[in-house]
């Protein structure tokens, strides 16, 4: 596996102004593991749309089991839920 950074990041939807402002920087500074043959397979030319959905569970409750359908067409949904705030 090799490491790669995010390129051409664009916000398409944000339910919260704060998330819309802060999440792109978080994703840009991340380092992602990709297969070593990434460029040989042409994957470096592909574009992916990923929708991150953030949720906070009610006090003493669990995270919802189902995600909300994607708000951005053709997006892969990644759900992030926290059971309690620190």
Protein backbone atom coordinates (compact mmCIF):
# COMPACT_ATOMS: atom_id res chain seq x y z
CA UNK A 1 0.00 0.00 0.00
CA UNK A 2 1.08 3.56 -0.71
CA UNK A 3 -0.05 6.82 0.87
CA UNK A 4 -1.82 9.51 -1.11
CA UNK A 5 -3.47 12.83 -0.37
CA UNK A 6 -6.84 14.22 -1.50
CA UNK A 7 -6.96 16.33 -4.65
CA UNK A 8 -9.74 18.41 -6.14
CA UNK A 9 -11.81 18.42 -2.95
CA UNK A 10 -15.09 20.30 -3.33
CA UNK A 11 -17.95 20.76 -0.89
CA UNK A 12 -21.30 19.94 -2.47
CA UNK A 13 -23.54 20.01 0.60
CA UNK A 14 -23.18 20.87 4.29
CA UNK A 15 -26.04 20.64 6.78
CA UNK A 16 -24.00 22.73 9.21
CA UNK A 17 -21.99 25.82 8.31
CA UNK A 18 -19.26 24.85 10.82
CA UNK A 19 -18.82 21.40 9.32
CA UNK A 20 -18.81 22.85 5.83
CA UNK A 21 -16.00 25.15 6.87
CA UNK A 22 -13.87 22.70 8.90
CA UNK A 23 -14.24 19.26 7.32
CA UNK A 24 -12.52 20.09 3.98
CA UNK A 25 -9.32 21.05 5.82
CA UNK A 26 -9.51 17.82 7.84
CA UNK A 27 -9.86 15.75 4.66
CA UNK A 28 -7.12 17.67 2.81
CA UNK A 29 -4.57 17.06 5.56
CA UNK A 30 -5.39 13.35 5.82
CA UNK A 31 -3.19 10.70 4.27
CA UNK A 32 -4.97 7.77 2.65
CA UNK A 33 -3.71 4.28 1.92
CA UNK A 34 -4.08 3.11 -1.66
CA UNK A 35 -2.87 0.02 -3.56
CA UNK A 36 0.65 0.24 -4.97
CA UNK A 37 -0.70 -0.27 -8.52
CA UNK A 38 -3.07 2.73 -8.18
CA UNK A 39 -1.59 4.66 -11.11
CA UNK A 40 -0.98 1.57 -13.27
CA UNK A 41 -4.70 0.71 -13.12
CA UNK A 42 -5.72 4.26 -14.06
CA UNK A 43 -7.38 4.80 -10.71
CA UNK A 44 -5.52 8.11 -10.23
CA UNK A 45 -7.66 9.52 -13.08
CA UNK A 46 -10.99 8.51 -11.50
CA UNK A 47 -13.13 10.85 -9.42
CA UNK A 48 -15.10 9.75 -6.39
CA UNK A 49 -17.96 11.43 -4.58
CA UNK A 50 -18.09 10.58 -0.89
CA UNK A 51 -20.70 11.98 1.46
CA UNK A 52 -19.74 12.02 5.15
CA UNK A 53 -22.72 11.97 7.50
CA UNK A 54 -22.01 12.95 11.10
CA UNK A 55 -24.37 12.13 13.98
CA UNK A 56 -24.36 12.36 17.78
CA UNK A 57 -26.34 9.78 19.75
CA UNK A 58 -28.70 10.97 22.47
CA UNK A 59 -27.36 10.75 26.01
CA UNK A 60 -27.42 7.09 27.03
CA UNK A 61 -28.59 6.09 23.57
CA UNK A 62 -26.96 4.34 20.66
CA UNK A 63 -26.15 5.64 17.23
CA UNK A 64 -28.97 5.19 14.70
CA UNK A 65 -28.63 1.92 12.81
CA UNK A 66 -29.55 3.33 9.41
CA UNK A 67 -27.95 6.18 7.56
CA UNK A 68 -29.86 8.90 5.83
CA UNK A 69 -29.97 8.43 2.04
CA UNK A 70 -27.25 10.34 0.22
CA UNK A 71 -28.10 13.99 -0.39
CA UNK A 72 -25.53 14.22 -3.18
CA UNK A 73 -26.41 12.08 -6.24
CA UNK A 74 -24.22 8.99 -6.79
CA UNK A 75 -22.24 9.53 -3.57
CA UNK A 76 -20.85 6.77 -1.40
CA UNK A 77 -22.08 7.42 2.15
CA UNK A 78 -19.67 7.18 5.09
CA UNK A 79 -21.39 7.49 8.47
CA UNK A 80 -19.57 8.81 11.54
CA UNK A 81 -21.42 8.69 14.87
CA UNK A 82 -20.28 9.54 18.36
CA UNK A 83 -22.07 8.07 21.38
CA UNK A 84 -21.15 11.00 23.61
CA UNK A 85 -19.20 14.20 23.38
CA UNK A 86 -15.95 14.47 25.38
